[in-house]
C-alpha atoms as a PDB file:
ATOM      1  CA  MET A   1      31.004  16.302  11.692  1.00  0.00           C
ATOM      2  CA  PHE A   2      31.064  19.914  12.840  1.00  0.00           C
ATOM      3  CA  ILE A   3      28.171  20.818  10.522  1.00  0.00           C
ATOM      4  CA  GLN A   4      26.168  17.857  11.840  1.00  0.00           C
ATOM      5  CA  ILE A   5      26.672  18.978  15.482  1.00  0.00           C
ATOM      6  CA  ALA A   6      25.764  22.488  14.647  1.00  0.00           C
ATOM      7  CA  ASN A   7      22.741  21.339  12.738  1.00  0.00           C
ATOM      8  CA  LEU A   8      21.582  19.265  15.786  1.00  0.00           C
ATOM      9  CA  LEU A   9      22.062  22.012  18.238  1.00  0.00           C
ATOM     10  CA  LEU A  10      20.448  24.628  16.035  1.00  0.00           C
ATOM     11  CA  GLN A  11      17.629  22.331  15.150  1.00  0.00           C
ATOM     12  CA  VAL A  12      16.840  21.686  18.923  1.00  0.00           C
ATOM     13  CA  LEU A  13      17.236  25.370  19.936  1.00  0.00           C
ATOM     14  CA  VAL A  14      15.110  26.786  17.000  1.00  0.00           C
ATOM     15  CA  SER A  15      12.471  24.017  17.327  1.00  0.00           C
ATOM     16  CA  VAL A  16      11.877  24.864  20.928  1.00  0.00           C
ATOM     17  CA  VAL A  17      11.824  28.702  20.527  1.00  0.00           C
ATOM     18  CA  ALA A  18      10.018  28.759  17.189  1.00  0.00           C
ATOM     19  CA  GLY A  19       7.697  26.108  18.533  1.00  0.00           C
ATOM     20  CA  ALA A  20       6.867  28.361  21.522  1.00  0.00           C
ATOM     21  CA  CYS A  21       6.177  31.245  19.066  1.00  0.00           C
ATOM     22  CA  LEU A  22       3.872  29.027  16.928  1.00  0.00           C
ATOM     23  CA  LEU A  23       2.030  27.839  20.050  1.00  0.00           C
ATOM     24  CA  ARG A  24       1.672  31.434  21.270  1.00  0.00           C
ATOM     25  CA  CYS A  25       0.147  32.265  17.790  1.00  0.00           C
ATOM     26  CA  TYR A  26      -2.216  29.275  17.952  1.00  0.00           C
ATOM     27  CA  LEU A  27      -3.317  30.026  21.527  1.00  0.00           C
ATOM     28  CA  GLN A  28      -4.027  33.539  20.529  1.00  0.00           C
ATOM     29  CA  TRP A  29      -6.051  32.221  17.647  1.00  0.00           C
ATOM     30  CA  LEU A  30      -8.077  30.085  20.188  1.00  0.00           C
ATOM     31  CA  ALA A  31      -8.510  33.205  22.443  1.00  0.00           C
ATOM     32  CA  PHE A  32      -6.441  31.899  25.364  1.00  0.00           C
ATOM     33  CA  ASN A  33      -5.245  34.412  27.919  1.00  0.00           C
ATOM     34  CA  LEU A  34      -1.698  33.396  28.568  1.00  0.00           C
ATOM     35  CA  GLY A  35      -1.274  35.707  31.585  1.00  0.00           C
ATOM     36  CA  THR A  36      -3.985  34.808  34.074  1.00  0.00           C
ATOM     37  CA  GLY A  37      -6.322  32.130  35.224  1.00  0.00           C
ATOM     38  CA  GLN A  38      -5.870  28.378  34.572  1.00  0.00           C
ATOM     39  CA  ASN A  39      -3.667  28.959  31.529  1.00  0.00           C
ATOM     40  CA  LYS A  40      -0.921  30.758  33.590  1.00  0.00           C
ATOM     41  CA  THR A  41       1.037  27.594  33.671  1.00  0.00           C
ATOM     42  CA  ILE A  42       1.429  27.360  29.970  1.00  0.00           C
ATOM     43  CA  GLY A  43       2.043  31.062  29.755  1.00  0.00           C
ATOM     44  CA  ALA A  44       4.851  30.803  32.240  1.00  0.00           C
ATOM     45  CA  TYR A  45       6.698  28.604  29.741  1.00  0.00           C
ATOM     46  CA  ILE A  46       5.760  30.095  26.465  1.00  0.00           C
ATOM     47  CA  LEU A  47       6.184  33.836  27.166  1.00  0.00           C
ATOM     48  CA  PRO A  48       9.786  33.759  28.464  1.00  0.00           C
ATOM     49  CA  LEU A  49      10.784  31.714  25.416  1.00  0.00           C
ATOM     50  CA  SER A  50       9.172  33.919  22.947  1.00  0.00           C
ATOM     51  CA  ASN A  51       8.824  37.435  24.408  1.00  0.00           C
ATOM     52  CA  TRP A  52      12.388  38.479  23.365  1.00  0.00           C
ATOM     53  CA  ILE A  53      11.530  38.219  19.704  1.00  0.00           C
ATOM     54  CA  VAL A  54       7.831  38.593  19.647  1.00  0.00           C
ATOM     55  CA  LEU A  55       7.434  41.823  21.514  1.00  0.00           C
ATOM     56  CA  PRO A  56       9.834  43.863  19.421  1.00  0.00           C
ATOM     57  CA  LEU A  57       8.090  42.482  16.285  1.00  0.00           C
ATOM     58  CA  ARG A  58       4.665  43.456  17.615  1.00  0.00           C
ATOM     59  CA  ARG A  59       5.789  47.130  17.624  1.00  0.00           C
ATOM     60  CA  VAL A  60       5.874  46.939  13.783  1.00  0.00           C
ATOM     61  CA  ILE A  61       3.665  44.088  12.850  1.00  0.00           C
ATOM     62  CA  PRO A  62       0.128  44.198  14.268  1.00  0.00           C
ATOM     63  CA  SER A  63      -2.102  41.172  14.750  1.00  0.00           C
ATOM     64  CA  VAL A  64      -4.708  40.544  12.056  1.00  0.00           C
ATOM     65  CA  GLY A  65      -7.833  39.780  14.016  1.00  0.00           C
ATOM     66  CA  ARG A  66      -7.085  36.762  16.203  1.00  0.00           C
ATOM     67  CA  PHE A  67      -3.963  35.749  14.164  1.00  0.00           C
ATOM     68  CA  ASP A  68      -0.808  36.879  15.973  1.00  0.00           C
ATOM     69  CA  VAL A  69       1.294  37.773  12.875  1.00  0.00           C
ATOM     70  CA  ALA A  70       4.230  38.851  14.980  1.00  0.00           C
ATOM     71  CA  SER A  71       4.538  35.457  16.621  1.00  0.00           C
ATOM     72  CA  PHE A  72       4.295  33.608  13.254  1.00  0.00           C
ATOM     73  CA  VAL A  73       6.818  35.963  11.724  1.00  0.00           C
ATOM     74  CA  ALA A  74       9.171  35.345  14.772  1.00  0.00           C
ATOM     75  CA  ALA A  75       8.987  31.582  14.178  1.00  0.00           C
ATOM     76  CA  TYR A  76       9.754  32.090  10.510  1.00  0.00           C
ATOM     77  CA  LEU A  77      12.714  34.364  11.139  1.00  0.00           C
ATOM     78  CA  LEU A  78      14.149  31.924  13.568  1.00  0.00           C
ATOM     79  CA  ILE A  79      14.026  29.163  11.055  1.00  0.00           C
ATOM     80  CA  LEU A  80      15.392  31.513   8.434  1.00  0.00           C
ATOM     81  CA  GLY A  81      18.314  32.365  10.681  1.00  0.00           C
ATOM     82  CA  LYS A  82      18.929  28.688  11.324  1.00  0.00           C
ATOM     83  CA  ILE A  83      19.166  27.994   7.629  1.00  0.00           C
ATOM     84  CA  ALA A  84      21.387  30.955   6.981  1.00  0.00           C
ATOM     85  CA  ILE A  85      23.815  29.949   9.771  1.00  0.00           C
ATOM     86  CA  LEU A  86      23.957  26.358   8.446  1.00  0.00           C
ATOM     87  CA  LEU A  87      24.497  27.594   4.894  1.00  0.00           C
ATOM     88  CA  TRP A  88      27.253  29.948   6.015  1.00  0.00           C
ATOM     89  CA  ILE A  89      28.951  27.211   8.158  1.00  0.00           C
ATOM     90  CA  SER A  90      28.803  24.746   5.223  1.00  0.00           C
ATOM     91  CA  GLY A  91      30.017  27.328   2.757  1.00  0.00           C
ATOM     92  CA  VAL A  92      27.005  26.715   0.497  1.00  0.00           C
ATOM     93  CA  PHE A  93      25.421  29.562  -1.417  1.00  0.00           C
ATOM     94  CA  LEU A  94      21.860  29.384  -2.533  1.00  0.00           C
ATOM     95  CA  PRO A  95      20.772  31.923  -5.064  1.00  0.00           C
ATOM     96  CA  GLY A  96      17.750  34.072  -4.956  1.00  0.00           C
ATOM     97  CA  LEU A  97      14.639  33.019  -2.996  1.00  0.00           C
ATOM     98  CA  SER A  98      15.522  29.329  -2.540  1.00  0.00           C
ATOM     99  CA  TRP A  99      16.658  29.624   1.138  1.00  0.00           C
ATOM    100  CA  PRO A 100      13.635  31.753   2.209  1.00  0.00           C
ATOM    101  CA  ILE A 101      11.449  29.152   0.549  1.00  0.00           C
ATOM    102  CA  MET A 102      13.317  26.412   2.399  1.00  0.00           C
ATOM    103  CA  ALA A 103      12.740  28.245   5.685  1.00  0.00           C
ATOM    104  CA  PHE A 104       8.992  28.450   4.836  1.00  0.00           C
ATOM    105  CA  ILE A 105       8.903  24.597   4.071  1.00  0.00           C
ATOM    106  CA  ASP A 106      10.757  23.935   7.361  1.00  0.00           C
ATOM    107  CA  LEU A 107       8.251  26.156   9.110  1.00  0.00           C
ATOM    108  CA  LEU A 108       5.370  24.075   7.618  1.00  0.00           C
ATOM    109  CA  ASP A 109       7.169  20.904   8.705  1.00  0.00           C
ATOM    110  CA  LEU A 110       7.567  22.280  12.318  1.00  0.00           C
ATOM    111  CA  ILE A 111       3.819  23.144  12.396  1.00  0.00           C
ATOM    112  CA  LEU A 112       2.851  19.664  11.198  1.00  0.00           C
ATOM    113  CA  SER A 113       5.292  17.982  13.534  1.00  0.00           C
ATOM    114  CA  GLY A 114       3.928  20.050  16.473  1.00  0.00           C
ATOM    115  CA  LEU A 115       0.352  19.003  15.561  1.00  0.00           C
ATOM    116  CA  VAL A 116       1.349  15.366  15.420  1.00  0.00           C
ATOM    117  CA  GLY A 117       2.828  15.634  18.890  1.00  0.00           C
ATOM    118  CA  LEU A 118      -0.268  17.352  20.265  1.00  0.00           C
ATOM    119  CA  VAL A 119      -2.520  14.588  18.878  1.00  0.00           C
ATOM    120  CA  PHE A 120      -0.348  11.943  20.345  1.00  0.00           C
ATOM    121  CA  ALA A 121      -0.201  13.753  23.715  1.00  0.00           C
ATOM    122  CA  SER A 122      -3.979  14.074  23.615  1.00  0.00           C
ATOM    123  CA  VAL A 123      -4.599  10.379  23.006  1.00  0.00           C
ATOM    124  CA  ILE A 124      -2.104   9.233  25.582  1.00  0.00           C
ATOM    125  CA  LEU A 125      -3.244  11.744  28.271  1.00  0.00           C
ATOM    126  CA  SER A 126      -6.853  10.745  27.635  1.00  0.00           C
ATOM    127  CA  TRP A 127      -5.876   7.169  28.717  1.00  0.00           C
ATOM    128  CA  VAL A 128      -3.342   7.907  31.447  1.00  0.00           C
ATOM    129  CA  SER A 129      -4.350  11.169  32.902  1.00  0.00           C
ATOM    130  CA  ALA A 130      -7.876  11.829  32.044  1.00  0.00           C
ATOM    131  CA  GLY A 131      -9.320  14.894  33.878  1.00  0.00           C
ATOM    132  CA  SER A 132      -5.922  16.489  34.643  1.00  0.00           C
ATOM    133  CA  GLN A 133      -5.204  20.150  33.922  1.00  0.00           C
ATOM    134  CA  ILE A 134      -2.617  19.282  31.189  1.00  0.00           C
ATOM    135  CA  GLN A 135      -5.045  16.787  29.506  1.00  0.00           C
ATOM    136  CA  TYR A 136      -7.703  19.515  29.547  1.00  0.00           C
ATOM    137  CA  LEU A 137      -5.321  22.009  27.998  1.00  0.00           C
ATOM    138  CA  ILE A 138      -4.022  19.589  25.285  1.00  0.00           C
ATOM    139  CA  SER A 139      -7.668  18.627  24.381  1.00  0.00           C
ATOM    140  CA  LEU A 140      -8.587  22.308  24.087  1.00  0.00           C
ATOM    141  CA  LEU A 141      -5.779  22.669  21.563  1.00  0.00           C
ATOM    142  CA  VAL A 142      -6.635  19.424  19.607  1.00  0.00           C
ATOM    143  CA  ASP A 143     -10.429  19.501  19.713  1.00  0.00           C
ATOM    144  CA  PRO A 144     -10.788  22.374  17.155  1.00  0.00           C
ATOM    145  CA  LEU A 145      -8.861  20.123  14.703  1.00  0.00           C
ATOM    146  CA  LEU A 146     -10.798  16.979  15.453  1.00  0.00           C
ATOM    147  CA  ALA A 147     -14.195  18.576  15.424  1.00  0.00           C
ATOM    148  CA  PRO A 148     -14.683  18.564  11.603  1.00  0.00           C
ATOM    149  CA  ILE A 149     -13.392  15.037  11.400  1.00  0.00           C
ATOM    150  CA  ARG A 150     -15.754  13.814  14.075  1.00  0.00           C
ATOM    151  CA  LYS A 151     -18.680  15.300  12.103  1.00  0.00           C
ATOM    152  CA  ALA A 152     -17.527  13.487   8.975  1.00  0.00           C
ATOM    153  CA  LEU A 153     -16.811  10.127  10.430  1.00  0.00           C
ATOM    154  CA  PRO A 154     -19.654   7.803  11.499  1.00  0.00           C
ATOM    155  CA  ASN A 155     -20.223   7.320  15.190  1.00  0.00           C
ATOM    156  CA  PHE A 156     -18.660   4.234  16.486  1.00  0.00           C
ATOM    157  CA  GLY A 157     -19.832   4.670  20.083  1.00  0.00           C
ATOM    158  CA  ALA A 158     -16.941   4.741  22.600  1.00  0.00           C
ATOM    159  CA  LEU A 159     -14.374   4.153  19.907  1.00  0.00           C
ATOM    160  CA  ASP A 160     -13.167   7.652  18.660  1.00  0.00           C
ATOM    161  CA  LEU A 161     -11.238   7.245  15.262  1.00  0.00           C
ATOM    162  CA  SER A 162     -10.982  11.002  14.680  1.00  0.00           C
ATOM    163  CA  PRO A 163      -7.439  11.290  16.169  1.00  0.00           C
ATOM    164  CA  LEU A 164      -6.330   8.442  13.846  1.00  0.00           C
ATOM    165  CA  ALA A 165      -7.962  10.105  10.881  1.00  0.00           C
ATOM    166  CA  LEU A 166      -6.218  13.458  11.840  1.00  0.00           C
ATOM    167  CA  LEU A 167      -2.885  11.718  12.189  1.00  0.00           C
ATOM    168  CA  LEU A 168      -3.274  10.248   8.729  1.00  0.00           C
ATOM    169  CA  ILE A 169      -4.004  13.665   7.248  1.00  0.00           C
ATOM    170  CA  LEU A 170      -1.038  15.218   9.028  1.00  0.00           C
ATOM    171  CA  GLN A 171       1.221  12.410   7.798  1.00  0.00           C
ATOM    172  CA  VAL A 172       0.083  12.864   4.230  1.00  0.00           C
ATOM    173  CA  LEU A 173       0.787  16.577   4.527  1.00  0.00           C
ATOM    174  CA  GLN A 174       4.168  15.810   5.915  1.00  0.00           C
ATOM    175  CA  ILE A 175       4.888  13.625   2.918  1.00  0.00           C
ATOM    176  CA  VAL A 176       3.894  16.501   0.643  1.00  0.00           C
ATOM    177  CA  VAL A 177       5.974  19.049   2.527  1.00  0.00           C
ATOM    178  CA  SER A 178       9.048  16.729   2.534  1.00  0.00           C
ATOM    179  CA  ASN A 179       8.675  16.255  -1.278  1.00  0.00           C
ATOM    180  CA  LEU A 180       8.591  19.934  -1.672  1.00  0.00           C
ATOM    181  CA  ARG A 181      12.247  20.093  -0.318  1.00  0.00           C
END
């Protein structure tokens, strides 16, 4: 019972902070300015959650082009720490590289789950809150993923099936990642 409670608490905490690190990485990839302008609202949430781990890592790990390696490594280290704590609490010892590989698989799962959430949020906000600032931000995050699918799918007029196709692709990838475990 204690292990299940610890797992739940660590999963929530690490998902929020590692998710903020991954979102920070993705926003830098999209060339968002988290500190000024319209996007200040999202930066006000992401930066306090992730600065404590990303900024020290940036001193030793530089970005590669637009890819924020420090934020990505921070998310990985958080997940690796979660797995190490859970293994320690449960008294399980995994030899060699098995637990760092488990952490990488969990990181992939978190990325895919976050993308699924973004696609759902984009679809729902396009129905409910079209034209709002949050809908605009979410669509900016999802549109780069939908653009190649929109090019490949035939045009159905007002019916956009690209979010459904992206969700199917993400679900297939989640099945693959869960089978890697």
